[in-house]
Amino acid sequence: MISFQPTEEESAFADLAGEVAREQIRPMAMECEQEGRVHPDLVKTMMELGFTTLELPENWGGLEMPLLSQAQIWGALGYGDLGVVQGLPGAGEGASLIRLIPDHPALQSYKAAGADGDWPTVAFLQAVDGEGMSGVQVDSNGEGYVLKGTSQPFRLAAFAENLLVAVNDPGGEPLLLWLDRRDGSRWHVVEGDYRLGLLAAGCARVRFEEEMITPGQVIAKGSEARELLSQALARIYVLEAAKEVGLMEAAVSYTAEYTAQRKAFGQEIAKFQGVSFTLADMAIETRTSRNLLWQTAERIDDGNPDGRKAVGGILSRVHQSLRFVTDSAVQLLGGHGYVQEFPVEKWMRDAQAQVSLYGREGELMARRGEQLLGEHVPTGA
């Protein structure tokens, strides 16, 4: 039997995350959205408590926690507000790659820059195999490469001092690059009017105008890059799904409390069959997503290849549940569901933005199908 029971220390950390989510993240969520970034005081708190270094290796000053423990902690933080969690600065998704190759020469300048614990922000531009980022192209240039084109919006791009770029080389093989503004990289941020959700997460496009890439900026290429990218994405997808589960738990809890207090025709609306059945479906979707996620995290921690292979399908399933739960929360609040004074309106927008950033359900399942069939599966227009 699989046990998801955390250690005493990990349980205390998850409890702390829940306390921070309720008492600090949730009350500041709307202010952060209006300002378009996470409030500096909240960032300071998160850094001091170690939440921004859960994935970084110990010899980098990080906590190097198991993936399952991180999933439980990020779920607790996501309960506070997904938009705030997604806007936290630091190594971000780059930490999952750093954890795999902490001694790689291309990463050592970043390690030195964060030696005091104040890690520069890293944004991950995933442009391999047309992952919604096909506006970025690579040309060969002697021993190096040239990046050009404009990406689709991705998280933390507006704030990033470093970019981790995964892109296809001219021959169609994957290429992993590390770009650092302190070393002279000159990508341009193309900020847009992104009104949907995750407004504190620094979503933006980046434009490359003949950006020269030296051999020293190349982390890996070919089969080595493909393997590293596969391992890193598996970890990233688990952590993203964990944040989504946290948002679902918040939506279920809030909606259940709201419907238990509001009355119609002399009784609480939660007692009406249509409302109670929907609440039950929301709770089932949330619990199913959480258990599938934790099982996948456990498998990846144990080195089970089935975990890595299945993670795209799991994220697709969690995406589906996320949209259902947040949409249902808005509907059950009726007119209040569309008023900004009630958080479900924001949660629904954040959910839609999250799914757009990390792959629609059909795209993720098509990639899972490619793994199973060993061939490309069209996803349509």
Protein backbone atom coordinates (compact mmCIF):
# COMPACT_ATOMS: atom_id res chain seq x y z
CA MET A 1 0.00 0.00 0.00
CA ILE A 2 1.30 3.46 -0.92
CA SER A 3 1.57 5.86 2.01
CA PHE A 4 1.51 9.61 1.46
CA GLN A 5 2.16 10.30 5.13
CA PRO A 6 4.86 12.99 5.43
CA THR A 7 7.60 12.97 8.04
CA GLU A 8 7.05 15.01 11.18
CA GLU A 9 9.29 17.79 9.82
CA GLU A 10 7.59 17.81 6.42
CA SER A 11 4.15 17.82 8.06
CA ALA A 12 5.15 20.85 10.12
CA PHE A 13 6.36 22.60 6.96
CA ALA A 14 3.05 21.86 5.19
CA ASP A 15 1.12 23.15 8.21
CA LEU A 16 3.22 26.33 8.14
CA ALA A 17 2.47 26.70 4.41
CA GLY A 18 -1.25 26.43 5.13
CA GLU A 19 -1.01 29.07 7.84
CA VAL A 20 0.87 31.45 5.54
CA ALA A 21 -1.66 30.82 2.76
CA ARG A 22 -4.64 31.69 4.95
CA GLU A 23 -3.19 34.54 6.97
CA GLN A 24 -0.86 36.28 4.51
CA ILE A 25 -1.33 35.16 0.90
CA ARG A 26 -5.15 35.19 0.69
CA PRO A 27 -5.58 38.67 2.24
CA MET A 28 -3.02 40.19 -0.16
CA ALA A 29 -4.10 38.39 -3.33
CA MET A 30 -6.23 41.17 -4.82
CA GLU A 31 -3.63 43.83 -4.02
CA CYS A 32 -0.95 41.76 -5.75
CA GLU A 33 -3.17 41.32 -8.80
CA GLN A 34 -3.84 45.06 -9.01
CA GLU A 35 -0.12 45.87 -8.67
CA GLY A 36 0.87 43.23 -11.22
CA ARG A 37 3.44 41.58 -8.95
CA VAL A 38 3.74 39.93 -5.56
CA HIS A 39 4.12 42.45 -2.73
CA PRO A 40 7.79 42.75 -1.57
CA ASP A 41 6.84 42.05 2.06
CA LEU A 42 5.19 38.79 1.03
CA VAL A 43 8.15 37.85 -1.14
CA LYS A 44 10.48 38.47 1.80
CA THR A 45 8.38 36.24 4.05
CA MET A 46 8.30 33.41 1.51
CA MET A 47 12.06 33.58 1.01
CA GLU A 48 12.83 33.71 4.73
CA LEU A 49 10.66 30.66 5.36
CA GLY A 50 12.42 28.72 2.57
CA PHE A 51 9.42 28.21 0.30
CA THR A 52 11.29 29.52 -2.76
CA THR A 53 14.16 27.02 -2.37
CA LEU A 54 12.29 23.74 -1.87
CA GLU A 55 13.57 22.28 -5.15
CA LEU A 56 17.12 23.64 -5.16
CA PRO A 57 19.91 21.20 -4.18
CA GLU A 58 21.40 21.35 -0.70
CA ASN A 59 24.87 22.24 -1.96
CA TRP A 60 23.27 25.34 -3.49
CA GLY A 61 21.73 26.32 -0.15
CA GLY A 62 18.34 24.82 -1.01
CA LEU A 63 16.19 22.31 0.87
CA GLU A 64 16.19 19.63 -1.89
CA MET A 65 12.89 18.20 -0.66
CA PRO A 66 11.31 15.06 -2.15
CA LEU A 67 8.80 15.80 -4.88
CA LEU A 68 5.91 14.37 -2.87
CA SER A 69 6.67 16.68 0.07
CA GLN A 70 6.89 19.64 -2.26
CA ALA A 71 3.55 18.72 -3.83
CA GLN A 72 1.91 18.81 -0.42
CA ILE A 73 3.54 22.14 0.47
CA TRP A 74 2.75 23.85 -2.85
CA GLY A 75 -0.81 22.56 -2.60
CA ALA A 76 -1.11 24.25 0.79
CA LEU A 77 0.31 27.50 -0.62
CA GLY A 78 -1.92 27.32 -3.70
CA TYR A 79 -4.89 27.27 -1.31
CA GLY A 80 -4.00 30.88 -0.53
CA ASP A 81 -3.88 32.13 -4.12
CA LEU A 82 -2.53 30.64 -7.32
CA GLY A 83 -1.72 34.04 -8.85
CA VAL A 84 0.51 35.00 -5.94
CA VAL A 85 2.27 31.63 -5.87
CA GLN A 86 2.97 31.84 -9.61
CA GLY A 87 4.48 35.31 -9.26
CA LEU A 88 7.09 34.44 -6.64
CA PRO A 89 10.62 35.34 -7.79
CA GLY A 90 13.64 33.07 -7.57
CA ALA A 91 14.87 30.00 -9.42
CA GLY A 92 11.31 28.93 -10.25
CA GLU A 93 11.09 26.19 -12.84
CA GLY A 94 14.82 26.49 -13.46
CA ALA A 95 15.33 24.81 -10.07
CA SER A 96 14.13 21.48 -11.48
CA LEU A 97 16.91 21.50 -14.06
CA ILE A 98 19.50 22.81 -11.59
CA ARG A 99 18.65 19.91 -9.28
CA LEU A 100 19.54 17.44 -12.05
CA ILE A 101 22.88 19.04 -13.04
CA PRO A 102 24.00 21.30 -10.18
CA ASP A 103 27.67 21.24 -11.23
CA HIS A 104 27.15 22.21 -14.86
CA PRO A 105 29.57 25.05 -15.82
CA ALA A 106 26.82 27.14 -17.45
CA LEU A 107 24.96 27.38 -14.13
CA GLN A 108 27.82 28.42 -11.86
CA SER A 109 27.44 32.16 -12.38
CA TYR A 110 23.81 31.87 -11.28
CA LYS A 111 24.87 29.89 -8.22
CA ALA A 112 27.30 32.66 -7.29
CA ALA A 113 24.63 35.33 -7.84
CA GLY A 114 22.33 33.63 -5.32
CA ALA A 115 24.97 32.80 -2.75
CA ASP A 116 23.41 35.23 -0.25
CA GLY A 117 20.00 33.57 -0.62
CA ASP A 118 18.53 36.29 -2.83
CA TRP A 119 18.09 34.25 -6.01
CA PRO A 120 17.65 36.12 -9.31
CA THR A 121 14.42 35.28 -11.09
CA VAL A 122 14.51 32.55 -13.74
CA ALA A 123 11.81 32.12 -16.40
CA PHE A 124 11.48 28.93 -18.44
CA LEU A 125 10.78 29.31 -22.16
CA GLN A 126 9.68 25.91 -23.42
CA ALA A 127 9.82 26.04 -27.23
CA VAL A 128 10.67 22.42 -28.08
CA ASP A 129 8.45 20.58 -30.56
CA GLY A 130 6.18 23.56 -31.06
CA GLU A 131 4.99 23.73 -27.45
CA GLY A 132 2.95 26.86 -28.19
CA MET A 133 6.19 28.82 -28.60
CA SER A 134 6.95 28.26 -32.30
CA GLY A 135 7.68 31.94 -32.85
CA VAL A 136 11.24 31.36 -31.61
CA GLN A 137 13.77 30.00 -34.12
CA VAL A 138 17.41 28.97 -33.92
CA ASP A 139 20.10 29.27 -36.59
CA SER A 140 23.60 27.87 -36.46
CA ASN A 141 26.49 30.31 -36.21
CA GLY A 142 29.81 28.51 -36.32
CA GLU A 143 30.23 26.86 -32.91
CA GLY A 144 27.26 28.75 -31.47
CA TYR A 145 23.71 29.66 -32.37
CA VAL A 146 21.48 32.67 -33.07
CA LEU A 147 18.07 33.09 -31.44
CA LYS A 148 15.40 35.18 -33.13
CA GLY A 149 11.66 35.67 -33.06
CA THR A 150 9.00 36.35 -30.43
CA SER A 151 7.60 33.82 -27.99
CA GLN A 152 4.10 33.36 -26.70
CA PRO A 153 3.52 34.67 -23.14
CA PHE A 154 5.12 32.63 -20.35
CA ARG A 155 5.35 32.97 -16.61
CA LEU A 156 7.86 35.36 -14.95
CA ALA A 157 9.14 36.57 -18.33
CA ALA A 158 8.50 40.20 -17.33
CA PHE A 159 10.73 39.93 -14.24
CA ALA A 160 13.38 37.44 -15.32
CA GLU A 161 17.09 38.08 -15.04
CA ASN A 162 17.81 34.61 -16.42
CA LEU A 163 16.12 32.54 -19.09
CA LEU A 164 16.18 28.77 -19.36
CA VAL A 165 15.36 28.14 -23.02
CA ALA A 166 14.37 24.80 -24.52
CA VAL A 167 14.16 25.06 -28.31
CA ASN A 168 14.71 22.95 -31.42
CA ASP A 169 18.02 23.41 -33.21
CA PRO A 170 18.11 23.78 -37.04
CA GLY A 171 18.13 20.00 -37.35
CA GLY A 172 15.02 19.60 -35.21
CA GLU A 173 16.87 18.28 -32.16
CA PRO A 174 16.26 19.74 -28.69
CA LEU A 175 18.64 22.35 -27.34
CA LEU A 176 18.85 23.64 -23.75
CA LEU A 177 20.27 27.15 -23.26
CA TRP A 178 20.99 29.36 -20.24
CA LEU A 179 20.79 33.13 -20.76
CA ASP A 180 21.90 35.67 -18.15
CA ARG A 181 21.38 39.43 -18.39
CA ARG A 182 24.44 39.96 -16.20
CA ASP A 183 26.54 38.24 -18.85
CA GLY A 184 25.24 40.44 -21.67
CA SER A 185 22.14 38.62 -22.92
CA ARG A 186 19.76 41.16 -24.47
CA TRP A 187 16.31 39.67 -24.91
CA HIS A 188 13.45 42.16 -24.99
CA VAL A 189 10.31 41.87 -22.87
CA VAL A 190 7.12 42.45 -24.84
CA GLU A 191 4.52 43.13 -22.18
CA GLY A 192 0.92 42.84 -23.24
CA ASP A 193 -2.54 43.59 -21.92
CA TYR A 194 -3.10 40.20 -20.30
CA ARG A 195 -6.45 40.58 -18.55
CA LEU A 196 -7.40 36.97 -17.99
CA GLY A 197 -5.67 35.77 -14.84
CA LEU A 198 -2.38 35.22 -13.00
CA LEU A 199 -1.86 38.96 -13.31
CA ALA A 200 0.84 38.99 -10.61
CA ALA A 201 2.84 36.25 -12.33
CA GLY A 202 4.79 38.45 -14.77
CA CYS A 203 3.43 36.80 -17.93
CA ALA A 204 4.96 38.37 -21.04
CA ARG A 205 6.43 37.57 -24.43
CA VAL A 206 10.14 37.82 -25.12
CA ARG A 207 11.65 38.92 -28.40
CA PHE A 208 15.09 37.88 -29.61
CA GLU A 209 16.78 40.03 -32.22
CA GLU A 210 19.70 38.00 -33.50
CA GLU A 211 20.69 36.97 -29.96
CA MET A 212 24.12 35.33 -30.17
CA ILE A 213 24.48 32.12 -28.16
CA THR A 214 28.00 31.02 -27.30
CA PRO A 215 29.02 27.41 -26.57
CA GLY A 216 29.27 28.34 -22.89
CA GLN A 217 25.53 29.07 -22.80
CA VAL A 218 24.60 25.63 -24.11
CA ILE A 219 23.54 23.28 -21.31
CA ALA A 220 22.85 20.26 -23.50
CA LYS A 221 21.76 19.29 -26.99
CA GLY A 222 20.40 16.28 -28.83
CA SER A 223 19.56 13.16 -26.83
CA GLU A 224 21.16 14.56 -23.67
CA ALA A 225 18.93 17.65 -23.85
CA ARG A 226 15.88 15.50 -24.53
CA GLU A 227 16.53 13.36 -21.44
CA LEU A 228 17.19 16.35 -19.18
CA LEU A 229 14.11 18.13 -20.47
CA SER A 230 11.98 15.04 -19.90
CA GLN A 231 13.16 14.71 -16.30
CA ALA A 232 12.81 18.42 -15.54
CA LEU A 233 9.34 18.70 -17.11
CA ALA A 234 8.10 15.73 -15.10
CA ARG A 235 9.03 17.54 -11.90
CA ILE A 236 7.67 20.87 -13.12
CA TYR A 237 4.34 19.34 -14.15
CA VAL A 238 3.91 17.70 -10.74
CA LEU A 239 4.58 20.98 -8.94
CA GLU A 240 2.22 22.91 -11.22
CA ALA A 241 -0.52 20.32 -10.71
CA ALA A 242 0.00 20.59 -6.94
CA LYS A 243 -0.65 24.33 -7.04
CA GLU A 244 -3.81 23.68 -9.05
CA VAL A 245 -5.03 21.15 -6.50
CA GLY A 246 -4.54 23.80 -3.81
CA LEU A 247 -6.72 26.22 -5.75
CA MET A 248 -9.40 23.56 -6.18
CA GLU A 249 -9.41 22.87 -2.45
CA ALA A 250 -9.84 26.59 -1.80
CA ALA A 251 -12.76 26.79 -4.25
CA VAL A 252 -14.52 23.77 -2.75
CA SER A 253 -14.09 25.03 0.81
CA TYR A 254 -15.21 28.57 0.03
CA THR A 255 -18.22 27.46 -2.04
CA ALA A 256 -19.36 24.96 0.57
CA GLU A 257 -19.22 27.63 3.27
CA TYR A 258 -21.02 30.19 1.09
CA THR A 259 -23.87 27.86 0.10
CA ALA A 260 -24.28 26.70 3.71
CA GLN A 261 -24.91 30.29 4.81
CA ARG A 262 -27.06 31.63 1.96
CA LYS A 263 -30.79 30.87 2.07
CA ALA A 264 -33.54 30.60 -0.53
CA PHE A 265 -37.15 29.61 0.08
CA GLY A 266 -36.42 29.31 3.77
CA GLN A 267 -33.48 26.90 3.67
CA GLU A 268 -29.75 26.92 3.01
CA ILE A 269 -29.07 26.60 -0.71
CA ALA A 270 -26.49 23.86 0.00
CA LYS A 271 -29.46 21.61 0.85
CA PHE A 272 -30.92 21.85 -2.64
CA GLN A 273 -30.14 18.73 -4.60
CA GLY A 274 -28.66 20.53 -7.60
CA VAL A 275 -26.28 22.45 -5.37
CA SER A 276 -25.29 19.58 -3.09
CA PHE A 277 -24.65 17.23 -6.02
CA THR A 278 -22.42 19.80 -7.72
CA LEU A 279 -20.50 20.38 -4.50
CA ALA A 280 -20.00 16.64 -4.18
CA ASP A 281 -18.70 16.44 -7.75
CA MET A 282 -16.31 19.32 -7.06
CA ALA A 283 -14.99 17.56 -3.96
CA ILE A 284 -14.59 14.25 -5.81
CA GLU A 285 -12.69 15.88 -8.67
CA THR A 286 -10.39 17.63 -6.20
CA ARG A 287 -9.68 14.51 -4.15
CA THR A 288 -9.13 12.39 -7.27
CA SER A 289 -6.68 14.91 -8.69
CA ARG A 290 -4.79 15.10 -5.41
CA ASN A 291 -4.44 11.34 -5.06
CA LEU A 292 -3.34 10.86 -8.67
CA LEU A 293 -0.82 13.65 -8.27
CA TRP A 294 0.64 12.33 -5.03
CA GLN A 295 0.91 8.84 -6.49
CA THR A 296 2.80 10.21 -9.50
CA ALA A 297 5.11 12.28 -7.28
CA GLU A 298 5.87 9.18 -5.19
CA ARG A 299 6.76 7.20 -8.32
CA ILE A 300 9.07 9.92 -9.61
CA ASP A 301 10.78 10.15 -6.21
CA ASP A 302 11.33 6.37 -6.34
CA GLY A 303 12.80 6.55 -9.86
CA ASN A 304 9.89 4.62 -11.35
CA PRO A 305 9.84 5.43 -15.10
CA ASP A 306 6.06 5.04 -15.17
CA GLY A 307 5.75 8.20 -13.11
CA ARG A 308 7.62 10.33 -15.59
CA LYS A 309 5.75 8.83 -18.54
CA ALA A 310 2.34 9.42 -17.00
CA VAL A 311 2.85 12.95 -15.70
CA GLY A 312 1.57 14.73 -18.83
CA GLY A 313 -1.66 12.74 -18.67
CA ILE A 314 -1.99 13.50 -14.96
CA LEU A 315 -1.56 17.23 -15.57
CA SER A 316 -4.23 17.03 -18.27
CA ARG A 317 -6.59 15.36 -15.80
CA VAL A 318 -5.87 18.00 -13.15
CA HIS A 319 -6.40 20.79 -15.70
CA GLN A 320 -9.81 19.34 -16.52
CA SER A 321 -10.76 19.16 -12.85
CA LEU A 322 -9.44 22.67 -12.21
CA ARG A 323 -11.64 24.20 -14.86
CA PHE A 324 -14.69 22.24 -13.72
CA VAL A 325 -14.24 23.13 -10.04
CA THR A 326 -13.60 26.85 -10.56
CA ASP A 327 -16.38 27.20 -13.15
CA SER A 328 -18.80 25.42 -10.81
CA ALA A 329 -17.80 27.67 -7.91
CA VAL A 330 -18.73 30.75 -9.93
CA GLN A 331 -22.05 29.23 -10.96
CA LEU A 332 -23.01 28.20 -7.42
CA LEU A 333 -22.41 31.74 -6.17
CA GLY A 334 -24.84 33.02 -8.79
CA GLY A 335 -24.47 36.73 -9.47
CA HIS A 336 -21.89 37.05 -6.70
CA GLY A 337 -19.66 34.65 -8.63
CA TYR A 338 -18.87 37.41 -11.13
CA VAL A 339 -18.18 40.13 -8.57
CA GLN A 340 -14.57 40.87 -7.67
CA GLU A 341 -15.39 41.15 -3.97
CA PHE A 342 -15.80 37.37 -4.02
CA PRO A 343 -12.59 35.41 -4.80
CA VAL A 344 -14.13 32.73 -7.03
CA GLU A 345 -14.23 35.19 -9.94
CA LYS A 346 -10.45 35.58 -9.73
CA TRP A 347 -9.90 31.87 -9.21
CA MET A 348 -11.77 31.03 -12.41
CA ARG A 349 -9.66 33.52 -14.39
CA ASP A 350 -6.45 32.22 -12.83
CA ALA A 351 -7.45 28.66 -13.69
CA GLN A 352 -8.02 29.51 -17.36
CA ALA A 353 -4.67 31.33 -17.56
CA GLN A 354 -2.88 28.43 -15.86
CA VAL A 355 -4.24 25.92 -18.34
CA SER A 356 -3.22 28.17 -21.25
CA LEU A 357 0.35 28.41 -19.94
CA TYR A 358 0.91 24.72 -19.24
CA GLY A 359 -0.90 23.00 -22.07
CA ARG A 360 -4.53 22.42 -22.83
CA GLU A 361 -5.91 19.00 -21.96
CA GLY A 362 -5.96 17.83 -25.58
CA GLU A 363 -2.35 18.87 -26.19
CA LEU A 364 -1.10 17.07 -23.09
CA MET A 365 -3.03 13.91 -23.89
CA ALA A 366 -1.76 13.98 -27.48
CA ARG A 367 1.80 14.04 -26.16
CA ARG A 368 0.97 11.14 -23.86
CA GLY A 369 -0.40 9.30 -26.89
CA GLU A 370 2.84 9.94 -28.75
CA GLN A 371 4.73 8.31 -25.89
CA LEU A 372 2.52 5.24 -26.03
CA LEU A 373 2.41 4.96 -29.82
CA GLY A 374 5.92 6.13 -30.59
CA GLU A 375 4.71 8.51 -33.29
CA HIS A 376 3.45 12.08 -33.67
CA VAL A 377 -0.22 12.65 -32.92
CA PRO A 378 -1.84 15.72 -34.58
CA THR A 379 -3.63 18.07 -32.17
CA GLY A 380 -5.65 19.95 -34.75
CA ALA A 381 -5.57 23.63 -35.68
